[in-house]
Structure formats: C-alpha cells, structure tokens
Amino acid sequence: MELSINNVTRQYGNKIAVDNFSATLTSGVYGLLGANGAGKTTLMRLVCDILKPSAGEITYGGVNVTELGEDYRDLLGYLPQQFGYYPDFSAYDYMMYLASLKGLDHSAARKKTLELLETIGLLNEKKNKIKTFSGGMRQRLGIAQAMLNDPKILVLDEPTAGLDPKERVNFRNLISSFSQDRIIILSTHIVSDVEYIADEIMMMKSGQLLSRGNAQSIIKTVEHSVWEVTVSAEAAEKINAKFIISNLKHSDDYVTLRIVAENKPHEQAVNVRPNLEDLYLYYFQEVEPNDNINQIRVD
C-alpha cells in the first residue's frame, strides 16, 4: 500500500506551515529532517489525520484518509513530541489501559503488552511506576504504545529529543527492529537519528520539500561545497565570522577548519568528502538571514 501526500498545504491565518508538499511513501524508514519550525510536526499531524489540509490531500491505497476514517486510524501508530502518560501507572497498567482504548480484548492486549515490553527491554520494569523511569525508558514505552495495534504506518515526531547519546542509539536500534513491512516516518532535527537507519531522507524547510533521496545521493548535492583548511588562530577567527563551520580542531598555534561554502573560502582550502551534517548546515544555517536556497531534486 502507498501513502501519498499530494500537494498538501496547511495554513494558519497568514502563516503557511506546510507548503505544497508532495511525497509517495511505501514500506521503509523515512527520515524527515529539518530545523525547528520547518513544519515537520504540522506535516506529521496531517499524516495522522489530526489536522486537515488547507489544500491538497493525503491518500492511503488511493483513498483519502479522511474518508477512510476509523479504518485509517486503525493502521496508525503515533508517538508525538510530548506523549501523555499517567506517572503513577505502572508500565504494564499503562499499556493495558491504552490497549483497551484501541479496542484490543484482554487476552490479546496482555499478550501484546508483554511481548512489546520485552522487545523494548522493560519487561523486568513492568510493575514500576512510569514516574521512576528515565527519559529513554519513557520514550521506549512511548514507541511500545504506538505499536500496540501493529500499525502499518508508524509516525514518530522528534522521538529522541532530550535523550543522551546512548539512549538515542538504543532508540534507533528499536525503530529498525520495527521497520519490517511498514511505513515509518521519523521527524527530527538530529542528523544522526536518520543517518544510519533511514532508507530515504526528506529535507524540509519553510514547509517545503527541498530534497529527497538516500543519504549518499543527497549528500552528493554538496560534494563541491565542503572544504578543509589549516590556518592560524587569527585567520580562523576571520573565516569563522564569514562562513559556516561544521568542525574545527586546535593543534598548537593552528586551527583546522571544516567549512561549508559554495565558493572556495580560503586560497589554501581543499575540497573534502561531505557528510550528512554538512548537508544539514548547508540548508539550515545560512550565513545571510535572507539568503534564498534554490530547490534541488534528487532522483
């Protein structure tokens, strides 16, 4: 089955949050990468039929998701940025409560709850209150509740925000384990969240789809715009004031700079192989506030 986002726009008064966005998704992990305020959360809510488009439509299997109604919601699993939970509930009671809301009978709910708690590594914590959990444990519980109805479409909005690096790795591995035969949309502004697990990356800015493709193909679009140079500390300060610096390393009296720039930033600078973080900075941390980035396409 295909999930199609067809020329979707969502407007709030004079503000356009999602602007003529189109994409067709099949099974796989899709990383929606963009800065805060890019329109990612609004797009996720549109996909989940929580919000209605101002223009365009979203279809699943060729049918508008609003027309599908409850049948479509039965296919969805959703983990919002801030998911609600009852702090005094145990993990098990919380899962069983949500399973009942989703219409699972008690026997099926219990089996699925224990299965998911084991998968996310919280089976031994099932009787503990959620308020005692770390942020990473709560997020793992969040994805477990989103998986209760075995969804065909799993939507995760900034799921690793606030997690430490180890917890983010664990969470990414968990998402990968759930990726078989379903559409997973992972919205984030953290590059590493999608770099290793996304089959496709969609770059979003100001509500628009700027670029789409696998990591290797979209990185190629900036292969001549990443530079490295070693200069004095004084020269490094001048370069830092004019260009986007993705990394710098001090060594004695010299500084090695990694620079994102379309034109050669220093006479001694040499082109180097770009990575996804360089691409992110190219789009979302421009030197000039009013700089316009031309839309690119990746086939």
Protein backbone atom coordinates (compact mmCIF):
# COMPACT_ATOMS: atom_id res chain seq x y z
CA MET A 1 0.00 0.00 0.00
CA GLU A 2 1.11 3.54 -0.73
CA LEU A 3 0.75 6.60 1.46
CA SER A 4 0.58 9.62 -0.85
CA ILE A 5 0.90 13.24 0.23
CA ASN A 6 -0.43 15.18 -2.74
CA ASN A 7 0.31 18.93 -2.97
CA VAL A 8 -0.61 19.40 0.68
CA THR A 9 -0.71 22.87 2.21
CA ARG A 10 -1.66 23.80 5.75
CA GLN A 11 -2.15 27.44 6.57
CA TYR A 12 -2.79 29.18 9.90
CA GLY A 13 -4.03 32.69 9.16
CA ASN A 14 -1.22 34.32 7.17
CA LYS A 15 1.33 31.65 8.13
CA ILE A 16 1.93 28.70 5.83
CA ALA A 17 3.23 25.80 7.95
CA VAL A 18 3.24 23.20 5.15
CA ASP A 19 3.61 24.49 1.61
CA ASN A 20 2.58 22.36 -1.38
CA PHE A 21 4.30 19.24 -0.01
CA SER A 22 4.20 16.06 -2.10
CA ALA A 23 5.69 12.62 -1.48
CA THR A 24 4.70 8.99 -2.03
CA LEU A 25 5.80 6.51 0.63
CA THR A 26 5.92 2.72 0.62
CA SER A 27 7.45 0.29 3.15
CA GLY A 28 10.63 1.60 4.75
CA VAL A 29 12.04 4.17 7.14
CA TYR A 30 11.73 7.79 6.03
CA GLY A 31 13.70 10.44 7.88
CA LEU A 32 12.07 13.87 7.80
CA LEU A 33 14.96 16.19 8.54
CA GLY A 34 14.59 19.90 9.19
CA ALA A 35 15.29 22.68 11.65
CA ASN A 36 12.83 23.56 14.40
CA GLY A 37 9.93 25.43 12.83
CA ALA A 38 10.32 23.77 9.43
CA GLY A 39 6.75 22.41 9.54
CA LYS A 40 7.59 18.82 10.45
CA THR A 41 5.14 18.48 13.35
CA THR A 42 2.31 20.00 11.31
CA LEU A 43 3.03 17.53 8.50
CA MET A 44 3.02 14.62 10.96
CA ARG A 45 -0.37 15.72 12.32
CA LEU A 46 -1.71 15.96 8.78
CA VAL A 47 -0.49 12.44 8.04
CA CYS A 48 -2.21 11.22 11.22
CA ASP A 49 -5.45 12.99 10.18
CA ILE A 50 -5.36 15.09 13.36
CA LEU A 51 -5.25 18.20 11.17
CA LYS A 52 -6.95 18.69 7.81
CA PRO A 53 -5.09 20.18 4.82
CA SER A 54 -5.96 23.69 3.67
CA ALA A 55 -5.29 22.36 0.17
CA GLY A 56 -4.30 19.04 -1.36
CA GLU A 57 -4.99 15.59 0.06
CA ILE A 58 -3.40 12.60 1.73
CA THR A 59 -4.40 9.17 0.45
CA TYR A 60 -3.71 5.60 1.52
CA GLY A 61 -4.24 2.96 -1.13
CA GLY A 62 -5.68 5.69 -3.37
CA VAL A 63 -8.42 6.69 -0.88
CA ASN A 64 -8.48 9.98 1.03
CA VAL A 65 -7.52 9.23 4.65
CA THR A 66 -10.40 11.35 5.95
CA GLU A 67 -12.84 9.16 4.03
CA LEU A 68 -11.18 6.04 5.45
CA GLY A 69 -11.85 7.41 8.94
CA GLU A 70 -11.56 4.79 11.68
CA ASP A 71 -10.17 2.20 9.25
CA TYR A 72 -7.21 4.52 8.63
CA ARG A 73 -6.66 5.27 12.32
CA ASP A 74 -6.54 1.52 12.96
CA LEU A 75 -3.49 1.44 10.67
CA LEU A 76 -1.69 4.24 12.52
CA GLY A 77 0.79 4.29 15.37
CA TYR A 78 1.80 7.75 16.60
CA LEU A 79 4.41 8.98 19.04
CA PRO A 80 4.11 12.78 19.36
CA GLN A 81 6.87 15.00 20.74
CA GLN A 82 5.17 15.08 24.13
CA PHE A 83 3.11 11.93 24.61
CA GLY A 84 0.72 11.73 27.53
CA TYR A 85 1.18 9.22 30.31
CA TYR A 86 -0.03 8.75 33.87
CA PRO A 87 3.02 8.97 36.15
CA ASP A 88 1.53 6.75 38.85
CA PHE A 89 0.65 3.98 36.38
CA SER A 90 3.00 1.05 36.06
CA ALA A 91 4.32 0.34 32.58
CA TYR A 92 2.09 -2.73 32.36
CA ASP A 93 -1.07 -0.95 33.53
CA TYR A 94 -0.40 1.94 31.14
CA MET A 95 -0.04 -0.40 28.18
CA MET A 96 -3.15 -2.38 29.13
CA TYR A 97 -5.15 0.83 29.54
CA LEU A 98 -4.17 2.09 26.08
CA ALA A 99 -4.79 -1.35 24.58
CA SER A 100 -8.35 -1.20 25.87
CA LEU A 101 -8.80 2.24 24.30
CA LYS A 102 -7.60 0.78 21.00
CA GLY A 103 -10.18 -1.99 21.21
CA LEU A 104 -7.96 -4.99 21.95
CA ASP A 105 -9.60 -7.74 24.02
CA HIS A 106 -7.97 -8.50 27.38
CA SER A 107 -6.18 -11.69 26.32
CA ALA A 108 -4.75 -10.19 23.12
CA ALA A 109 -3.83 -6.98 24.98
CA ARG A 110 -1.94 -8.85 27.67
CA LYS A 111 -0.03 -10.95 25.14
CA LYS A 112 0.89 -7.91 23.02
CA THR A 113 1.81 -5.81 26.06
CA LEU A 114 4.22 -8.41 27.46
CA GLU A 115 5.69 -9.01 24.00
CA LEU A 116 6.34 -5.30 23.44
CA LEU A 117 7.69 -4.69 26.94
CA GLU A 118 10.18 -7.48 26.33
CA THR A 119 11.13 -6.05 22.93
CA ILE A 120 11.83 -2.59 24.37
CA GLY A 121 13.74 -4.02 27.35
CA LEU A 122 11.24 -3.04 30.04
CA LEU A 123 9.70 -6.40 30.90
CA ASN A 124 11.53 -6.50 34.24
CA GLU A 125 10.28 -2.97 34.94
CA LYS A 126 6.64 -3.70 34.09
CA LYS A 127 5.38 -3.19 37.66
CA ASN A 128 7.36 0.02 38.24
CA LYS A 129 5.67 3.41 38.03
CA ILE A 130 6.40 5.47 34.93
CA LYS A 131 7.44 8.46 37.06
CA THR A 132 10.52 6.47 38.13
CA PHE A 133 11.65 5.94 34.51
CA SER A 134 14.47 7.79 32.76
CA GLY A 135 13.73 9.80 29.63
CA GLY A 136 14.98 6.98 27.45
CA MET A 137 12.79 4.43 29.21
CA ARG A 138 9.72 6.65 28.79
CA GLN A 139 10.45 7.08 25.07
CA ARG A 140 10.79 3.33 24.65
CA LEU A 141 7.45 2.93 26.39
CA GLY A 142 6.08 5.57 24.02
CA ILE A 143 7.05 3.61 20.93
CA ALA A 144 5.66 0.43 22.53
CA GLN A 145 2.23 2.04 22.99
CA ALA A 146 2.36 3.22 19.36
CA MET A 147 2.95 -0.41 18.31
CA LEU A 148 0.04 -1.94 20.27
CA ASN A 149 -2.22 -2.16 17.22
CA ASP A 150 0.62 -3.46 14.98
CA PRO A 151 0.36 -0.35 12.75
CA LYS A 152 1.12 -0.28 9.05
CA ILE A 153 2.13 3.39 9.40
CA LEU A 154 4.29 4.44 12.36
CA VAL A 155 4.78 8.20 12.86
CA LEU A 156 7.48 9.38 15.28
CA ASP A 157 7.81 13.11 15.94
CA GLU A 158 11.20 14.14 17.41
CA PRO A 159 11.38 10.85 19.36
CA THR A 160 14.95 11.28 20.65
CA ALA A 161 14.77 14.91 21.80
CA GLY A 162 16.34 15.17 25.24
CA LEU A 163 17.91 11.71 25.18
CA ASP A 164 21.61 11.14 25.80
CA PRO A 165 23.74 9.57 23.02
CA LYS A 166 23.46 6.02 24.38
CA GLU A 167 19.68 6.28 24.70
CA ARG A 168 19.45 7.67 21.14
CA VAL A 169 21.41 4.69 19.79
CA ASN A 170 19.15 2.27 21.67
CA PHE A 171 16.07 4.02 20.36
CA ARG A 172 17.33 3.98 16.76
CA ASN A 173 18.01 0.25 17.03
CA LEU A 174 14.49 -0.24 18.36
CA ILE A 175 12.99 1.64 15.40
CA SER A 176 15.00 -0.51 12.99
CA SER A 177 13.63 -3.65 14.64
CA PHE A 178 10.07 -2.45 13.93
CA SER A 179 10.70 -1.43 10.30
CA GLN A 180 9.74 -4.64 8.51
CA ASP A 181 6.73 -4.30 6.18
CA ARG A 182 5.54 -0.92 7.42
CA ILE A 183 5.96 2.77 6.67
CA ILE A 184 7.91 4.57 9.38
CA ILE A 185 8.18 8.36 9.29
CA LEU A 186 10.77 9.73 11.70
CA SER A 187 10.71 13.50 12.09
CA THR A 188 13.82 15.04 13.64
CA HIS A 189 16.37 17.84 13.60
CA ILE A 190 19.10 15.49 14.88
CA VAL A 191 21.14 14.32 11.91
CA SER A 192 22.41 11.10 13.50
CA ASP A 193 18.83 9.91 14.09
CA VAL A 194 18.31 9.36 10.37
CA GLU A 195 21.85 8.96 9.04
CA TYR A 196 22.11 5.27 9.93
CA ILE A 197 18.55 3.93 9.78
CA ALA A 198 16.60 5.87 7.14
CA ASP A 199 16.07 4.27 3.75
CA GLU A 200 15.23 7.73 2.45
CA ILE A 201 15.75 11.21 3.82
CA MET A 202 13.41 14.10 3.11
CA MET A 203 14.83 17.57 3.76
CA MET A 204 12.14 20.06 4.80
CA LYS A 205 12.46 23.82 5.13
CA SER A 206 9.77 26.51 5.50
CA GLY A 207 7.10 23.87 4.92
CA GLN A 208 8.57 22.73 1.60
CA LEU A 209 10.30 19.54 0.49
CA LEU A 210 13.77 20.65 -0.57
CA SER A 211 15.42 17.34 -1.35
CA ARG A 212 14.67 13.64 -1.14
CA GLY A 213 16.79 10.53 -1.58
CA ASN A 214 19.04 8.12 0.26
CA ALA A 215 21.82 9.62 2.35
CA GLN A 216 24.51 9.01 -0.29
CA SER A 217 22.56 10.62 -3.12
CA ILE A 218 21.51 13.77 -1.30
CA ILE A 219 24.99 14.27 0.17
CA LYS A 220 26.34 14.36 -3.39
CA THR A 221 24.47 17.61 -3.96
CA VAL A 222 27.02 19.42 -1.76
CA GLU A 223 30.13 17.45 -2.75
CA HIS A 224 31.85 20.62 -4.07
CA SER A 225 30.76 22.81 -1.15
CA VAL A 226 32.73 21.35 1.77
CA TRP A 227 36.31 22.46 2.41
CA GLU A 228 39.13 21.96 4.85
CA VAL A 229 41.99 24.30 5.68
CA THR A 230 44.58 24.69 8.42
CA VAL A 231 45.34 28.30 9.39
CA SER A 232 46.49 30.43 12.29
CA ALA A 233 44.09 31.15 15.14
CA GLU A 234 43.74 34.75 13.94
CA ALA A 235 42.84 33.67 10.39
CA ALA A 236 40.43 31.06 11.80
CA GLU A 237 38.50 33.79 13.62
CA LYS A 238 38.06 35.75 10.39
CA ILE A 239 36.90 32.65 8.47
CA ASN A 240 34.54 31.71 11.30
CA ALA A 241 32.90 35.12 11.11
CA LYS A 242 32.18 34.77 7.37
CA PHE A 243 31.42 31.10 6.75
CA ILE A 244 29.56 28.10 8.15
CA ILE A 245 31.99 25.98 10.16
CA SER A 246 30.96 22.36 10.65
CA ASN A 247 34.02 21.44 12.69
CA LEU A 248 37.26 22.90 14.00
CA LYS A 249 40.27 21.35 15.66
CA HIS A 250 43.03 23.17 17.53
CA SER A 251 46.62 21.97 17.24
CA ASP A 252 49.38 24.08 18.80
CA ASP A 253 49.10 27.52 17.18
CA TYR A 254 47.00 26.34 14.26
CA VAL A 255 43.34 25.53 13.69
CA THR A 256 41.94 23.06 11.15
CA LEU A 257 38.54 24.18 9.90
CA ARG A 258 35.85 22.24 8.07
CA ILE A 259 33.87 24.81 6.10
CA VAL A 260 30.55 24.62 4.24
CA ALA A 261 30.61 27.13 1.39
CA GLU A 262 29.74 27.15 -2.30
CA ASN A 263 32.88 29.10 -3.20
CA LYS A 264 36.44 28.46 -2.07
CA PRO A 265 36.65 30.14 1.35
CA HIS A 266 40.45 30.42 1.54
CA GLU A 267 43.24 30.17 -1.01
CA GLN A 268 44.66 27.09 0.74
CA ALA A 269 41.31 25.34 1.27
CA VAL A 270 40.77 21.96 -0.39
CA ASN A 271 37.55 20.12 -1.16
CA VAL A 272 36.75 17.18 1.14
CA ARG A 273 34.08 14.49 1.11
CA PRO A 274 30.81 15.82 2.61
CA ASN A 275 28.64 14.09 5.19
CA LEU A 276 25.01 14.44 6.18
CA GLU A 277 25.81 17.00 8.88
CA ASP A 278 27.48 19.21 6.26
CA LEU A 279 24.34 18.95 4.14
CA TYR A 280 22.15 19.93 7.08
CA LEU A 281 24.27 23.00 7.80
CA TYR A 282 24.24 23.95 4.12
CA TYR A 283 20.45 24.17 4.20
CA PHE A 284 19.65 25.25 7.74
CA GLN A 285 22.43 27.51 8.98
CA GLU A 286 22.95 30.10 6.28
CA VAL A 287 25.33 32.99 6.83
CA GLU A 288 22.89 35.53 5.44
CA PRO A 289 19.41 35.52 7.07
CA ASN A 290 17.71 36.42 3.79
CA ASP A 291 19.70 34.04 1.67
CA ASN A 292 17.46 32.04 -0.67
CA ILE A 293 18.31 28.39 -1.17
CA ASN A 294 17.31 27.04 -4.55
CA GLN A 295 15.22 23.91 -4.52
CA ILE A 296 17.04 20.79 -5.66
CA ARG A 297 15.75 17.41 -6.72
CA VAL A 298 17.36 14.04 -6.21
CA ASP A 299 16.11 11.20 -8.39
